[in-house]
């Protein structure tokens, strides 16, 4: 059984350690903390794990999509007593994390759509298809059942950033061409587990949206100059050389981006001050959303960084897409948005910035 420990080279907020542990079913679990984790594992389930699905190419949209029928059976809104992301208690049911406590955990998704061992799909005449190679991981922010990027605190956010940087390095080294850490928060977004967590997808192919951004930066688009032009009217706040702002070209009402003021390809290139600022603003944006809407705000958040091997002039961002246009009004992605890709934005970005800045 694999069980190794090491100290991370690139960290935010102080030293960080990783323990990599092979679970009974063969999936890897990585435990991150300020102190080395050395607890003895408790009881574990040994389920049969699906090894990903397949990719099929959409000839009209010119994009590859994942087909993974086994995900239909993934865990759906379990009772609090059956929280799969909580620590395993002595004598209690097995969870995904077979230890009595931890600080932050990342493990291979049991219901992965992308997998390094994905097999070649059955050939369909006239359809391009390939194995859905890659990785899908779950990131558990805290052993606590409730919380958010705001409430977990600055040190835990810094630890999360350290873990993200470590996973970028490891997944790139395993052949993933694009790595996307993200969080789906709230039932309106489709989150089926309430425990504070995110995910990481490692793609064998660069997704269409990310390739467009790579091409734009390579072609000379200057996001640093755009941030300067947008400030202060569209800015919320700054910290450590990192800014939170509403893009003037936002597609979602109250959309917010976080980015270093200077161009950085990804968080691995950021200075310690920029990483601390990023950590602070991750919590600050979440706090402002919840205060403004008067409720835990459902959103889609993702880190947009350069692909494997780098991207010329790429400028790293964290992008928040909230699913609300008012406290009780959901921004639905209906026919026009889904069929054309053309969004109708109900709240002007300058109005959104002023409202969130006032919180």
Protein backbone atom coordinates (compact mmCIF):
# COMPACT_ATOMS: atom_id res chain seq x y z
CA UNK A 1 0.00 0.00 0.00
CA UNK A 2 1.36 3.41 -1.03
CA UNK A 3 1.70 5.87 1.86
CA UNK A 4 4.25 8.64 1.37
CA UNK A 5 4.83 12.06 2.91
CA UNK A 6 6.64 15.15 1.66
CA UNK A 7 6.88 18.91 2.13
CA UNK A 8 5.60 21.09 -0.70
CA UNK A 9 8.11 23.30 -2.50
CA UNK A 10 5.71 26.09 -3.60
CA UNK A 11 3.28 27.20 -0.91
CA UNK A 12 1.10 30.08 0.21
CA UNK A 13 1.04 31.27 3.81
CA UNK A 14 3.77 29.06 5.23
CA UNK A 15 5.07 25.48 5.08
CA UNK A 16 2.67 22.79 3.86
CA UNK A 17 2.92 19.02 3.79
CA UNK A 18 1.32 16.31 1.65
CA UNK A 19 0.57 12.72 2.58
CA UNK A 20 -0.33 10.51 -0.42
CA UNK A 21 -2.24 7.40 0.56
CA UNK A 22 -3.58 4.58 -1.62
CA UNK A 23 -7.08 3.67 -0.52
CA UNK A 24 -8.32 0.09 -0.37
CA UNK A 25 -10.05 0.48 -3.75
CA UNK A 26 -6.84 1.74 -5.37
CA UNK A 27 -7.72 5.44 -5.59
CA UNK A 28 -5.21 7.97 -4.33
CA UNK A 29 -5.99 10.27 -1.42
CA UNK A 30 -3.77 13.31 -0.75
CA UNK A 31 -3.91 14.95 2.67
CA UNK A 32 -2.57 18.51 2.91
CA UNK A 33 -1.78 20.31 6.13
CA UNK A 34 0.48 22.70 8.01
CA UNK A 35 1.74 19.71 9.96
CA UNK A 36 2.53 16.22 8.60
CA UNK A 37 -0.48 13.89 8.80
CA UNK A 38 0.35 10.60 10.50
CA UNK A 39 -2.94 9.13 11.77
CA UNK A 40 -3.67 5.43 11.28
CA UNK A 41 -6.30 4.68 8.61
CA UNK A 42 -9.66 3.34 9.76
CA UNK A 43 -12.15 1.05 8.02
CA UNK A 44 -12.55 1.45 4.26
CA UNK A 45 -14.95 0.31 1.57
CA UNK A 46 -13.53 -1.52 -1.43
CA UNK A 47 -15.90 -0.72 -4.28
CA UNK A 48 -15.38 -1.41 -7.96
CA UNK A 49 -14.34 1.89 -9.53
CA UNK A 50 -15.25 2.90 -13.08
CA UNK A 51 -12.27 4.04 -15.14
CA UNK A 52 -13.81 6.92 -17.04
CA UNK A 53 -15.92 7.20 -20.16
CA UNK A 54 -15.33 8.28 -23.72
CA UNK A 55 -15.00 11.46 -25.74
CA UNK A 56 -17.13 12.16 -28.80
CA UNK A 57 -16.58 15.05 -31.20
CA UNK A 58 -19.45 17.39 -32.01
CA UNK A 59 -18.92 18.22 -35.71
CA UNK A 60 -20.98 21.43 -35.72
CA UNK A 61 -19.77 22.92 -32.43
CA UNK A 62 -16.21 21.67 -33.04
CA UNK A 63 -15.84 20.45 -29.46
CA UNK A 64 -15.14 17.23 -27.59
CA UNK A 65 -17.65 16.16 -24.92
CA UNK A 66 -17.44 13.52 -22.18
CA UNK A 67 -19.83 10.55 -22.13
CA UNK A 68 -19.81 8.73 -18.77
CA UNK A 69 -22.98 6.75 -18.09
CA UNK A 70 -21.70 5.49 -14.72
CA UNK A 71 -21.97 9.02 -13.31
CA UNK A 72 -25.75 8.61 -13.29
CA UNK A 73 -25.31 6.58 -10.08
CA UNK A 74 -23.16 9.10 -8.20
CA UNK A 75 -24.01 10.15 -4.64
CA UNK A 76 -27.05 12.46 -4.58
CA UNK A 77 -27.89 14.69 -1.60
CA UNK A 78 -27.06 12.22 1.20
CA UNK A 79 -28.28 12.71 4.77
CA UNK A 80 -25.88 14.54 7.09
CA UNK A 81 -25.17 11.25 8.85
CA UNK A 82 -24.00 9.75 5.54
CA UNK A 83 -21.75 12.62 4.44
CA UNK A 84 -19.10 10.92 2.25
CA UNK A 85 -16.68 13.86 2.60
CA UNK A 86 -16.58 13.86 6.40
CA UNK A 87 -13.79 12.13 8.35
CA UNK A 88 -14.32 8.46 9.17
CA UNK A 89 -15.05 8.01 12.86
CA UNK A 90 -13.91 4.97 14.88
CA UNK A 91 -16.68 2.38 14.68
CA UNK A 92 -18.60 4.55 12.21
CA UNK A 93 -19.38 4.03 8.52
CA UNK A 94 -16.56 4.35 6.03
CA UNK A 95 -16.31 7.67 4.19
CA UNK A 96 -14.08 8.81 1.35
CA UNK A 97 -11.47 9.92 3.90
CA UNK A 98 -10.57 6.99 6.22
CA UNK A 99 -9.04 9.09 8.97
CA UNK A 100 -10.45 10.57 12.16
CA UNK A 101 -9.43 14.08 11.15
CA UNK A 102 -7.58 16.03 8.46
CA UNK A 103 -6.99 19.61 7.35
CA UNK A 104 -7.60 19.48 3.59
CA UNK A 105 -8.03 16.43 1.37
CA UNK A 106 -7.96 15.68 -2.36
CA UNK A 107 -8.91 12.28 -3.75
CA UNK A 108 -9.68 10.64 -7.08
CA UNK A 109 -13.39 10.85 -7.85
CA UNK A 110 -15.24 7.54 -7.54
CA UNK A 111 -17.51 8.64 -10.40
CA UNK A 112 -14.84 10.01 -12.71
CA UNK A 113 -15.69 11.04 -16.27
CA UNK A 114 -11.98 11.31 -17.11
CA UNK A 115 -9.48 8.64 -16.10
CA UNK A 116 -5.87 7.76 -17.04
CA UNK A 117 -6.97 4.15 -17.69
CA UNK A 118 -9.96 5.02 -19.90
CA UNK A 119 -10.37 2.36 -22.58
CA UNK A 120 -10.89 2.79 -26.30
CA UNK A 121 -14.61 3.21 -27.07
CA UNK A 122 -16.62 1.18 -29.55
CA UNK A 123 -16.32 2.71 -33.01
CA UNK A 124 -19.39 4.49 -34.40
CA UNK A 125 -19.54 5.13 -38.11
CA UNK A 126 -19.15 8.82 -38.88
CA UNK A 127 -18.42 9.79 -35.25
CA UNK A 128 -14.96 10.66 -33.95
CA UNK A 129 -14.42 9.14 -30.51
CA UNK A 130 -11.51 8.62 -28.14
CA UNK A 131 -10.88 7.35 -24.61
CA UNK A 132 -11.75 10.00 -22.01
CA UNK A 133 -8.19 10.17 -20.70
CA UNK A 134 -7.44 12.55 -17.85
CA UNK A 135 -8.29 12.93 -14.17
CA UNK A 136 -11.19 13.96 -11.94
CA UNK A 137 -10.50 14.79 -8.31
CA UNK A 138 -12.53 16.01 -5.34
CA UNK A 139 -11.11 18.75 -3.10
CA UNK A 140 -12.46 18.78 0.48
CA UNK A 141 -11.78 22.17 2.05
CA UNK A 142 -12.40 21.21 5.67
CA UNK A 143 -13.59 18.30 7.84
CA UNK A 144 -16.48 20.54 8.97
CA UNK A 145 -19.86 19.77 7.45
CA UNK A 146 -20.74 23.42 6.81
CA UNK A 147 -18.68 26.33 5.54
CA UNK A 148 -17.58 28.39 2.58
CA UNK A 149 -14.46 29.90 1.05
CA UNK A 150 -15.10 32.82 3.39
CA UNK A 151 -15.71 30.97 6.66
CA UNK A 152 -12.82 28.48 6.36
CA UNK A 153 -10.42 31.40 7.02
CA UNK A 154 -7.28 32.82 5.45
CA UNK A 155 -4.88 30.07 6.50
CA UNK A 156 -7.08 27.30 5.06
CA UNK A 157 -7.51 29.26 1.83
CA UNK A 158 -3.72 29.58 1.60
CA UNK A 159 -3.41 25.84 2.16
CA UNK A 160 -6.00 25.26 -0.58
CA UNK A 161 -3.96 27.36 -3.01
CA UNK A 162 -0.84 25.36 -2.09
CA UNK A 163 -2.74 22.16 -2.82
CA UNK A 164 -4.00 23.52 -6.16
CA UNK A 165 -0.45 24.40 -7.22
CA UNK A 166 0.71 20.91 -6.24
CA UNK A 167 -2.06 19.28 -8.27
CA UNK A 168 -1.30 21.46 -11.29
CA UNK A 169 2.29 20.19 -11.17
CA UNK A 170 1.34 16.54 -10.68
CA UNK A 171 -1.42 16.43 -13.31
CA UNK A 172 0.68 18.24 -15.91
CA UNK A 173 3.48 15.75 -15.25
CA UNK A 174 1.03 12.89 -15.86
CA UNK A 175 0.17 14.20 -19.31
CA UNK A 176 -2.94 16.32 -18.71
CA UNK A 177 -2.93 19.22 -21.18
CA UNK A 178 -5.29 21.47 -19.24
CA UNK A 179 -6.07 21.53 -15.51
CA UNK A 180 -9.22 23.22 -14.18
CA UNK A 181 -9.81 23.52 -10.43
CA UNK A 182 -13.41 24.61 -9.83
CA UNK A 183 -16.28 24.77 -7.36
CA UNK A 184 -20.00 24.28 -7.88
CA UNK A 185 -21.75 25.87 -4.92
CA UNK A 186 -25.46 25.46 -4.22
CA UNK A 187 -28.27 23.23 -5.43
CA UNK A 188 -29.19 25.76 -8.11
CA UNK A 189 -25.85 25.01 -9.77
CA UNK A 190 -26.35 21.27 -9.40
CA UNK A 191 -24.19 20.58 -6.35
CA UNK A 192 -25.34 17.30 -4.81
CA UNK A 193 -23.12 17.40 -1.72
CA UNK A 194 -23.41 20.21 0.84
CA UNK A 195 -20.00 19.62 2.44
CA UNK A 196 -17.63 22.50 1.47
CA UNK A 197 -15.67 21.17 -1.48
CA UNK A 198 -14.50 21.73 -5.03
CA UNK A 199 -13.16 19.60 -7.83
CA UNK A 200 -10.27 19.40 -10.28
CA UNK A 201 -10.48 18.15 -13.87
CA UNK A 202 -7.33 17.25 -15.75
CA UNK A 203 -8.13 17.18 -19.47
CA UNK A 204 -6.32 15.17 -22.10
CA UNK A 205 -7.48 17.77 -24.63
CA UNK A 206 -7.70 21.54 -24.13
CA UNK A 207 -11.41 22.49 -23.96
CA UNK A 208 -12.80 24.82 -26.63
CA UNK A 209 -13.37 27.80 -24.29
CA UNK A 210 -9.90 27.56 -22.80
CA UNK A 211 -8.31 27.24 -26.25
CA UNK A 212 -10.04 30.46 -27.31
CA UNK A 213 -8.52 32.26 -24.31
CA UNK A 214 -5.09 30.80 -25.05
CA UNK A 215 -5.37 32.06 -28.63
CA UNK A 216 -6.52 35.52 -27.49
CA UNK A 217 -3.58 35.98 -25.12
CA UNK A 218 -1.16 34.60 -27.70
CA UNK A 219 -2.58 37.09 -30.19
CA UNK A 220 -1.76 39.99 -27.90
CA UNK A 221 -4.78 40.54 -25.65
CA UNK A 222 -3.57 42.45 -22.57
CA UNK A 223 -5.72 41.72 -19.51
CA UNK A 224 -3.40 43.72 -17.25
CA UNK A 225 -4.15 46.83 -19.31
CA UNK A 226 -7.88 46.06 -19.20
CA UNK A 227 -7.81 45.87 -15.39
CA UNK A 228 -6.10 49.25 -15.23
CA UNK A 229 -8.73 50.73 -17.57
CA UNK A 230 -11.58 49.20 -15.56
CA UNK A 231 -10.37 50.41 -12.17
CA UNK A 232 -11.72 51.90 -10.03
CA UNK A 233 -15.29 51.94 -11.43
CA UNK A 234 -15.45 48.18 -11.92
CA UNK A 235 -13.16 47.21 -9.04
CA UNK A 236 -14.29 45.73 -5.72
CA UNK A 237 -11.05 45.61 -3.78
CA UNK A 238 -7.33 44.80 -4.03
CA UNK A 239 -4.85 42.91 -1.87
CA UNK A 240 -1.20 41.98 -2.31
CA UNK A 241 -1.04 42.97 -5.96
CA UNK A 242 -4.23 41.05 -6.76
CA UNK A 243 -7.56 42.63 -7.74
CA UNK A 244 -11.23 41.59 -7.59
CA UNK A 245 -13.35 43.27 -10.26
CA UNK A 246 -16.45 42.94 -12.42
CA UNK A 247 -15.33 42.51 -16.04
CA UNK A 248 -16.76 45.13 -18.35
CA UNK A 249 -17.62 42.23 -20.68
CA UNK A 250 -19.22 40.01 -17.97
CA UNK A 251 -21.79 37.45 -19.14
CA UNK A 252 -23.38 36.71 -15.75
CA UNK A 253 -25.09 39.26 -13.49
CA UNK A 254 -22.65 40.08 -10.67
CA UNK A 255 -19.82 38.12 -12.30
CA UNK A 256 -16.48 38.73 -10.54
CA UNK A 257 -12.92 37.94 -11.55
CA UNK A 258 -9.82 37.81 -9.36
CA UNK A 259 -6.48 38.33 -11.07
CA UNK A 260 -2.94 39.44 -10.26
CA UNK A 261 -2.35 42.96 -11.57
CA UNK A 262 0.82 41.75 -13.31
CA UNK A 263 0.57 38.96 -15.84
CA UNK A 264 1.10 35.51 -14.35
CA UNK A 265 0.55 32.25 -16.25
CA UNK A 266 -0.88 30.51 -13.21
CA UNK A 267 -0.79 30.53 -9.41
CA UNK A 268 2.57 28.75 -9.56
CA UNK A 269 4.10 31.96 -10.93
CA UNK A 270 2.58 34.26 -8.29
CA UNK A 271 4.64 35.86 -5.53
CA UNK A 272 3.92 35.15 -1.87
CA UNK A 273 2.13 38.49 -1.58
CA UNK A 274 0.01 37.74 -4.66
CA UNK A 275 -0.92 34.31 -3.32
CA UNK A 276 -1.88 35.81 0.05
CA UNK A 277 -3.94 38.42 -1.81
CA UNK A 278 -5.60 35.72 -3.89
CA UNK A 279 -6.48 33.79 -0.74
CA UNK A 280 -7.94 36.89 0.89
CA UNK A 281 -10.03 37.80 -2.14
CA UNK A 282 -11.42 34.27 -2.56
CA UNK A 283 -12.96 34.71 0.88
CA UNK A 284 -13.88 38.35 0.34
CA UNK A 285 -15.79 37.74 -2.90
CA UNK A 286 -17.75 34.90 -1.28
CA UNK A 287 -18.50 37.08 1.76
CA UNK A 288 -19.76 39.94 -0.41
CA UNK A 289 -21.99 37.64 -2.45
CA UNK A 290 -23.60 36.14 0.65
CA UNK A 291 -24.06 39.55 2.27
CA UNK A 292 -25.47 41.13 -0.89
CA UNK A 293 -27.96 38.38 -1.68
CA UNK A 294 -28.71 37.65 1.99
CA UNK A 295 -28.16 33.91 1.54
CA UNK A 296 -25.43 31.41 0.64
CA UNK A 297 -24.95 32.36 -3.01
CA UNK A 298 -24.93 29.61 -5.63
CA UNK A 299 -22.08 30.10 -8.06
CA UNK A 300 -19.70 28.41 -10.47
CA UNK A 301 -16.08 29.30 -9.75
CA UNK A 302 -13.00 28.14 -11.67
CA UNK A 303 -9.29 28.87 -12.01
CA UNK A 304 -8.28 29.73 -15.58
CA UNK A 305 -4.53 29.23 -15.98
CA UNK A 306 -2.14 28.44 -18.82
CA UNK A 307 -2.09 24.93 -20.30
CA UNK A 308 0.66 22.37 -19.93
CA UNK A 309 3.85 23.81 -21.35
CA UNK A 310 2.65 27.38 -20.83
CA UNK A 311 0.74 29.81 -23.00
CA UNK A 312 2.30 32.92 -24.52
CA UNK A 313 1.20 36.06 -22.64
CA UNK A 314 -1.40 34.06 -20.67
CA UNK A 315 -2.89 35.94 -17.69
CA UNK A 316 -4.25 33.80 -14.86
CA UNK A 317 -7.74 34.55 -13.48
CA UNK A 318 -10.23 33.12 -11.00
CA UNK A 319 -13.75 33.58 -12.37
CA UNK A 320 -16.98 33.57 -10.33
CA UNK A 321 -20.29 33.08 -12.15
CA UNK A 322 -23.15 33.56 -9.65
CA UNK A 323 -26.52 32.04 -10.56
CA UNK A 324 -28.56 34.86 -9.02
CA UNK A 325 -29.69 38.19 -10.45
CA UNK A 326 -31.53 38.98 -7.19
CA UNK A 327 -31.96 37.30 -3.78
CA UNK A 328 -34.83 35.15 -5.10
CA UNK A 329 -34.22 35.39 -8.83
CA UNK A 330 -32.14 32.77 -10.61
CA UNK A 331 -30.24 33.52 -13.80
CA UNK A 332 -31.40 30.62 -15.96
CA UNK A 333 -29.34 29.58 -18.95
CA UNK A 334 -32.25 29.11 -21.32
CA UNK A 335 -32.68 28.61 -25.07
CA UNK A 336 -30.81 31.60 -26.45
CA UNK A 337 -27.76 31.11 -24.22
CA UNK A 338 -27.62 27.34 -24.68
CA UNK A 339 -28.28 27.24 -28.42
CA UNK A 340 -26.31 30.28 -29.55
CA UNK A 341 -23.75 30.90 -26.82
CA UNK A 342 -24.96 34.52 -26.78
CA UNK A 343 -25.78 35.60 -23.22
CA UNK A 344 -28.33 38.21 -22.20
CA UNK A 345 -27.04 40.02 -19.11
CA UNK A 346 -29.72 41.48 -16.82
CA UNK A 347 -27.40 43.57 -14.62
CA UNK A 348 -24.90 46.02 -16.06
CA UNK A 349 -21.32 45.26 -14.90
CA UNK A 350 -20.87 48.81 -13.58
CA UNK A 351 -24.06 48.45 -11.51
CA UNK A 352 -22.89 45.08 -10.18
CA UNK A 353 -19.48 46.47 -9.25
CA UNK A 354 -20.97 49.42 -7.37
CA UNK A 355 -23.38 47.17 -5.48
CA UNK A 356 -20.75 44.60 -4.44
CA UNK A 357 -18.18 47.28 -3.66
CA UNK A 358 -20.62 48.86 -1.21
CA UNK A 359 -20.91 45.68 0.87
